[in-house]
Amino acid sequence: MSDLKLAPVCGLHCGSCEYHGEKCPGCGHLDGRPFWTEHLPTGVCPMHDCCRNVKQLEHCGLCEEFPCEIVFKFRDPSWSDEAFNQSLEQRKAALSRRREVGTEVWLREIKSK
């Protein structure tokens, strides 16, 4: 069985993140509170909070509003528009695939790449 907690709401894969491991076990293991959220007033990822806590959804791909205002407001300020748009398209594709096949199959597909 795949570690479902490595599939955060945003469409990324925690196992592919440069911080995964010693610095961060994955967003799902931390209930949307990875290390960088200590710099936020709420202490939780806004996408995780909206999706899981407010809307009670497994991931943003199940939300009719995705990509929403939170996605655009909560972008890495160091990214160029091109980098942000590329990341957004990748996340949209990942979330669409998760919606289609389910998170467990999606994780197995990622692991086999």
C-alpha atoms as a PDB file:
ATOM      1  CA  MET A   1       0.000   0.000   0.000  1.00  0.00           C
ATOM      2  CA  SER A   2       1.214   3.500  -0.833  1.00  0.00           C
ATOM      3  CA  ASP A   3       1.660   6.139   1.836  1.00  0.00           C
ATOM      4  CA  LEU A   4      -1.455   8.249   1.231  1.00  0.00           C
ATOM      5  CA  LYS A   5      -0.060  10.961   3.477  1.00  0.00           C
ATOM      6  CA  LEU A   6       2.511  11.774   0.790  1.00  0.00           C
ATOM      7  CA  ALA A   7      -0.326  13.009  -1.438  1.00  0.00           C
ATOM      8  CA  PRO A   8      -1.181  16.507  -0.201  1.00  0.00           C
ATOM      9  CA  VAL A   9      -4.290  18.379  -1.292  1.00  0.00           C
ATOM     10  CA  CYS A  10      -2.406  20.632  -3.740  1.00  0.00           C
ATOM     11  CA  GLY A  11      -1.432  18.016  -6.326  1.00  0.00           C
ATOM     12  CA  LEU A  12       2.231  17.808  -5.472  1.00  0.00           C
ATOM     13  CA  HIS A  13       3.869  14.588  -4.290  1.00  0.00           C
ATOM     14  CA  CYS A  14       5.697  14.940  -0.982  1.00  0.00           C
ATOM     15  CA  GLY A  15       8.036  12.082  -1.885  1.00  0.00           C
ATOM     16  CA  SER A  16       9.368  14.212  -4.749  1.00  0.00           C
ATOM     17  CA  CYS A  17       9.982  17.281  -2.583  1.00  0.00           C
ATOM     18  CA  GLU A  18      13.551  18.314  -1.821  1.00  0.00           C
ATOM     19  CA  TYR A  19      12.589  18.732   1.849  1.00  0.00           C
ATOM     20  CA  HIS A  20      10.971  15.321   2.267  1.00  0.00           C
ATOM     21  CA  GLY A  21      12.741  13.121   4.736  1.00  0.00           C
ATOM     22  CA  GLU A  22      14.664  14.487   7.688  1.00  0.00           C
ATOM     23  CA  LYS A  23      13.279  18.030   7.432  1.00  0.00           C
ATOM     24  CA  CYS A  24       9.670  17.072   6.594  1.00  0.00           C
ATOM     25  CA  PRO A  25       7.825  13.725   6.677  1.00  0.00           C
ATOM     26  CA  GLY A  26       5.153  14.991   4.270  1.00  0.00           C
ATOM     27  CA  CYS A  27       2.171  17.323   4.493  1.00  0.00           C
ATOM     28  CA  GLY A  28      -0.300  14.572   5.304  1.00  0.00           C
ATOM     29  CA  HIS A  29       1.814  13.382   8.217  1.00  0.00           C
ATOM     30  CA  LEU A  30       1.746  16.912   9.597  1.00  0.00           C
ATOM     31  CA  ASP A  31      -1.920  17.729   8.932  1.00  0.00           C
ATOM     32  CA  GLY A  32      -0.973  20.522   6.532  1.00  0.00           C
ATOM     33  CA  ARG A  33       1.617  22.036   8.851  1.00  0.00           C
ATOM     34  CA  PRO A  34       5.017  21.514   7.208  1.00  0.00           C
ATOM     35  CA  PHE A  35       7.983  23.471   8.533  1.00  0.00           C
ATOM     36  CA  TRP A  36       7.383  26.549   6.348  1.00  0.00           C
ATOM     37  CA  THR A  37       3.896  27.162   7.789  1.00  0.00           C
ATOM     38  CA  GLU A  38       5.497  28.489  10.974  1.00  0.00           C
ATOM     39  CA  HIS A  39       5.865  31.736   9.008  1.00  0.00           C
ATOM     40  CA  LEU A  40       2.117  31.981   8.354  1.00  0.00           C
ATOM     41  CA  PRO A  41      -0.326  33.645  10.751  1.00  0.00           C
ATOM     42  CA  THR A  42      -2.521  30.527  10.859  1.00  0.00           C
ATOM     43  CA  GLY A  43       0.341  28.026  11.088  1.00  0.00           C
ATOM     44  CA  VAL A  44      -1.313  25.816   8.455  1.00  0.00           C
ATOM     45  CA  CYS A  45      -1.136  25.651   4.665  1.00  0.00           C
ATOM     46  CA  PRO A  46      -4.098  27.682   3.368  1.00  0.00           C
ATOM     47  CA  MET A  47      -4.818  25.133   0.634  1.00  0.00           C
ATOM     48  CA  HIS A  48      -4.847  22.266   3.135  1.00  0.00           C
ATOM     49  CA  ASP A  49      -7.008  24.233   5.546  1.00  0.00           C
ATOM     50  CA  CYS A  50      -9.584  25.104   2.884  1.00  0.00           C
ATOM     51  CA  CYS A  51      -9.696  21.676   1.275  1.00  0.00           C
ATOM     52  CA  ARG A  52      -9.532  19.346   4.267  1.00  0.00           C
ATOM     53  CA  ASN A  53     -10.770  21.405   7.195  1.00  0.00           C
ATOM     54  CA  VAL A  54     -13.364  23.675   5.558  1.00  0.00           C
ATOM     55  CA  LYS A  55     -14.627  21.714   2.543  1.00  0.00           C
ATOM     56  CA  GLN A  56     -13.826  18.225   3.889  1.00  0.00           C
ATOM     57  CA  LEU A  57     -12.369  17.075   0.553  1.00  0.00           C
ATOM     58  CA  GLU A  58      -9.499  14.658  -0.006  1.00  0.00           C
ATOM     59  CA  HIS A  59      -7.752  16.958  -2.487  1.00  0.00           C
ATOM     60  CA  CYS A  60      -8.273  20.173  -4.441  1.00  0.00           C
ATOM     61  CA  GLY A  61      -9.027  18.272  -7.639  1.00  0.00           C
ATOM     62  CA  LEU A  62     -12.405  17.391  -6.129  1.00  0.00           C
ATOM     63  CA  CYS A  63     -13.275  21.065  -5.689  1.00  0.00           C
ATOM     64  CA  GLU A  64     -15.254  22.802  -8.411  1.00  0.00           C
ATOM     65  CA  GLU A  65     -13.396  26.056  -7.713  1.00  0.00           C
ATOM     66  CA  PHE A  66      -9.870  24.743  -8.398  1.00  0.00           C
ATOM     67  CA  PRO A  67      -7.702  26.567  -9.259  1.00  0.00           C
ATOM     68  CA  CYS A  68      -9.029  29.140  -6.848  1.00  0.00           C
ATOM     69  CA  GLU A  69      -7.952  32.452  -5.389  1.00  0.00           C
ATOM     70  CA  ILE A  70      -5.931  30.683  -2.677  1.00  0.00           C
ATOM     71  CA  VAL A  71      -3.747  29.008  -5.310  1.00  0.00           C
ATOM     72  CA  PHE A  72      -2.954  32.338  -6.937  1.00  0.00           C
ATOM     73  CA  LYS A  73      -2.480  34.282  -3.689  1.00  0.00           C
ATOM     74  CA  PHE A  74      -0.359  31.547  -2.156  1.00  0.00           C
ATOM     75  CA  ARG A  75       2.381  31.262  -4.721  1.00  0.00           C
ATOM     76  CA  ASP A  76       6.091  31.258  -4.073  1.00  0.00           C
ATOM     77  CA  PRO A  77       7.106  34.905  -4.570  1.00  0.00           C
ATOM     78  CA  SER A  78      10.511  33.855  -5.883  1.00  0.00           C
ATOM     79  CA  TRP A  79       8.937  32.088  -8.883  1.00  0.00           C
ATOM     80  CA  SER A  80       8.563  33.726 -12.253  1.00  0.00           C
ATOM     81  CA  ASP A  81       5.133  33.740 -13.865  1.00  0.00           C
ATOM     82  CA  GLU A  82       6.381  31.034 -16.212  1.00  0.00           C
ATOM     83  CA  ALA A  83       7.540  28.789 -13.352  1.00  0.00           C
ATOM     84  CA  PHE A  84       4.284  29.314 -11.454  1.00  0.00           C
ATOM     85  CA  ASN A  85       2.154  28.558 -14.530  1.00  0.00           C
ATOM     86  CA  GLN A  86       4.178  25.426 -15.273  1.00  0.00           C
ATOM     87  CA  SER A  87       3.735  24.216 -11.685  1.00  0.00           C
ATOM     88  CA  LEU A  88       0.024  24.997 -11.790  1.00  0.00           C
ATOM     89  CA  GLU A  89      -0.446  23.000 -15.000  1.00  0.00           C
ATOM     90  CA  GLN A  90       1.439  20.043 -13.496  1.00  0.00           C
ATOM     91  CA  ARG A  91      -0.708  20.171 -10.346  1.00  0.00           C
ATOM     92  CA  LYS A  92      -3.912  20.443 -12.383  1.00  0.00           C
ATOM     93  CA  ALA A  93      -2.907  17.363 -14.385  1.00  0.00           C
ATOM     94  CA  ALA A  94      -1.965  15.454 -11.231  1.00  0.00           C
ATOM     95  CA  LEU A  95      -5.222  16.335  -9.491  1.00  0.00           C
ATOM     96  CA  SER A  96      -7.233  15.410 -12.568  1.00  0.00           C
ATOM     97  CA  ARG A  97      -5.493  12.030 -12.669  1.00  0.00           C
ATOM     98  CA  ARG A  98      -6.075  11.511  -8.923  1.00  0.00           C
ATOM     99  CA  ARG A  99      -9.754  12.288  -9.407  1.00  0.00           C
ATOM    100  CA  GLU A 100      -9.881   9.807 -12.289  1.00  0.00           C
ATOM    101  CA  VAL A 101      -8.028   6.819 -10.781  1.00  0.00           C
ATOM    102  CA  GLY A 102      -7.931   7.531  -7.038  1.00  0.00           C
ATOM    103  CA  THR A 103      -5.038   8.606  -4.877  1.00  0.00           C
ATOM    104  CA  GLU A 104      -3.644   5.146  -4.188  1.00  0.00           C
ATOM    105  CA  VAL A 105      -3.333   4.285  -7.893  1.00  0.00           C
ATOM    106  CA  TRP A 106      -1.947   7.772  -8.608  1.00  0.00           C
ATOM    107  CA  LEU A 107       0.762   7.253  -5.980  1.00  0.00           C
ATOM    108  CA  ARG A 108       1.683   3.860  -7.440  1.00  0.00           C
ATOM    109  CA  GLU A 109       1.934   5.456 -10.885  1.00  0.00           C
ATOM    110  CA  ILE A 110       4.254   8.155  -9.570  1.00  0.00           C
ATOM    111  CA  LYS A 111       6.414   5.634  -7.758  1.00  0.00           C
ATOM    112  CA  SER A 112       6.794   3.558 -10.932  1.00  0.00           C
ATOM    113  CA  LYS A 113       8.068   6.537 -12.975  1.00  0.00           C
END
